[in-house]
C-alpha atoms as a PDB file:
ATOM      1  CA  MET A   1      74.834 115.499  87.471  1.00  0.00           C
ATOM      2  CA  LEU A   2      77.325 115.419  90.335  1.00  0.00           C
ATOM      3  CA  PRO A   3      76.285 113.662  93.557  1.00  0.00           C
ATOM      4  CA  ASP A   4      75.585 115.628  96.703  1.00  0.00           C
ATOM      5  CA  CYS A   5      78.796 115.470  98.680  1.00  0.00           C
ATOM      6  CA  VAL A   6      79.126 115.186 102.407  1.00  0.00           C
ATOM      7  CA  PHE A   7      81.453 117.771 103.855  1.00  0.00           C
ATOM      8  CA  ILE A   8      83.319 117.149 107.076  1.00  0.00           C
ATOM      9  CA  SER A   9      84.162 119.939 109.456  1.00  0.00           C
ATOM     10  CA  CYS A  10      87.244 119.250 111.482  1.00  0.00           C
ATOM     11  CA  LYS A  11      88.076 120.979 114.735  1.00  0.00           C
ATOM     12  CA  GLN A  12      91.730 119.973 114.561  1.00  0.00           C
ATOM     13  CA  LYS A  13      94.138 122.371 112.918  1.00  0.00           C
ATOM     14  CA  LYS A  14      95.920 119.498 111.168  1.00  0.00           C
ATOM     15  CA  PRO A  15      93.542 116.573 110.665  1.00  0.00           C
ATOM     16  CA  ARG A  16      95.281 113.234 110.194  1.00  0.00           C
ATOM     17  CA  ILE A  17      94.234 110.044 108.523  1.00  0.00           C
ATOM     18  CA  SER A  18      93.956 107.057 110.844  1.00  0.00           C
ATOM     19  CA  ARG A  19      96.507 104.250 110.545  1.00  0.00           C
ATOM     20  CA  THR A  20      93.664 101.818 109.733  1.00  0.00           C
ATOM     21  CA  VAL A  21      92.459 103.896 106.773  1.00  0.00           C
ATOM     22  CA  PHE A  22      96.033 104.428 105.580  1.00  0.00           C
ATOM     23  CA  ASN A  23      96.708 100.681 105.684  1.00  0.00           C
ATOM     24  CA  GLU A  24      93.484  99.972 103.762  1.00  0.00           C
ATOM     25  CA  ILE A  25      94.460 102.477 101.050  1.00  0.00           C
ATOM     26  CA  LYS A  26      97.926 100.922 100.851  1.00  0.00           C
ATOM     27  CA  ARG A  27      96.502  97.364 100.681  1.00  0.00           C
ATOM     28  CA  ASN A  28      94.149  98.357  97.853  1.00  0.00           C
ATOM     29  CA  ALA A  29      96.937 100.097  95.937  1.00  0.00           C
ATOM     30  CA  MET A  30      99.225  97.073  96.262  1.00  0.00           C
ATOM     31  CA  SER A  31      96.470  94.757  94.992  1.00  0.00           C
ATOM     32  CA  LEU A  32      96.441  96.348  91.530  1.00  0.00           C
ATOM     33  CA  PHE A  33      98.671  94.857  88.868  1.00  0.00           C
ATOM     34  CA  GLY A  34      99.823  97.388  86.293  1.00  0.00           C
ATOM     35  CA  VAL A  35      97.847 100.608  86.065  1.00  0.00           C
ATOM     36  CA  GLY A  36      94.667 101.662  87.828  1.00  0.00           C
ATOM     37  CA  TYR A  37      93.207 103.970  90.425  1.00  0.00           C
ATOM     38  CA  VAL A  38      92.490 103.905  94.139  1.00  0.00           C
ATOM     39  CA  TRP A  39      89.417 106.012  94.936  1.00  0.00           C
ATOM     40  CA  ILE A  40      88.551 107.390  98.365  1.00  0.00           C
ATOM     41  CA  VAL A  41      84.842 108.185  98.261  1.00  0.00           C
ATOM     42  CA  PHE A  42      81.678 108.719 100.248  1.00  0.00           C
ATOM     43  CA  ASP A  43      78.753 106.601  99.073  1.00  0.00           C
ATOM     44  CA  SER A  44      75.103 107.724  99.133  1.00  0.00           C
ATOM     45  CA  ASN A  45      74.873 106.711 102.824  1.00  0.00           C
ATOM     46  CA  ALA A  46      77.847 108.937 103.689  1.00  0.00           C
ATOM     47  CA  ASP A  47      80.016 105.869 104.374  1.00  0.00           C
ATOM     48  CA  LEU A  48      83.694 106.140 103.531  1.00  0.00           C
ATOM     49  CA  GLN A  49      84.789 103.598 100.923  1.00  0.00           C
ATOM     50  CA  ILE A  50      88.108 102.758  99.308  1.00  0.00           C
ATOM     51  CA  ILE A  51      87.619 101.354  95.812  1.00  0.00           C
ATOM     52  CA  THR A  52      90.080 100.249  93.153  1.00  0.00           C
ATOM     53  CA  THR A  53      89.486 100.343  89.409  1.00  0.00           C
ATOM     54  CA  PRO A  54      91.793  98.806  86.802  1.00  0.00           C
ATOM     55  CA  ASN A  55      93.208 100.511  83.722  1.00  0.00           C
ATOM     56  CA  LYS A  56      91.217 103.583  82.678  1.00  0.00           C
ATOM     57  CA  SER A  57      87.963 102.797  84.503  1.00  0.00           C
ATOM     58  CA  SER A  58      86.361 105.714  86.307  1.00  0.00           C
ATOM     59  CA  LEU A  59      83.890 106.177  89.153  1.00  0.00           C
ATOM     60  CA  ILE A  60      83.025 109.752  88.206  1.00  0.00           C
ATOM     61  CA  ALA A  61      79.643 108.749  86.698  1.00  0.00           C
ATOM     62  CA  ASP A  62      78.671 106.645  89.738  1.00  0.00           C
ATOM     63  CA  ASP A  63      76.639 108.080  92.610  1.00  0.00           C
ATOM     64  CA  LEU A  64      79.702 108.719  94.769  1.00  0.00           C
ATOM     65  CA  CYS A  65      81.376 111.759  96.254  1.00  0.00           C
ATOM     66  CA  VAL A  66      85.053 111.493  95.312  1.00  0.00           C
ATOM     67  CA  LEU A  67      87.375 112.791  98.025  1.00  0.00           C
ATOM     68  CA  ALA A  68      90.644 111.727  96.448  1.00  0.00           C
ATOM     69  CA  VAL A  69      92.006 109.508  93.705  1.00  0.00           C
ATOM     70  CA  ILE A  70      95.449 107.956  93.426  1.00  0.00           C
ATOM     71  CA  ASP A  71      96.674 107.235  89.897  1.00  0.00           C
ATOM     72  CA  LEU A  72      98.823 104.105  89.844  1.00  0.00           C
ATOM     73  CA  GLY A  73     100.053 104.498  86.299  1.00  0.00           C
END
């Protein structure tokens, strides 16, 4: 079963990602050696998390709401 996702309404016409979040995504992506994924997710407390998984590991079965995934293959 898919987790209940938290949806964000944005009043801006063109929402932008903060520099802090961008730098955290970049840092996580650079920390992987070889192939893997960087996941941008909401956890069950609706907290934004950036998680890396090596090789072909997946977070789809975990209790997370996946917003985006970057394939570093």
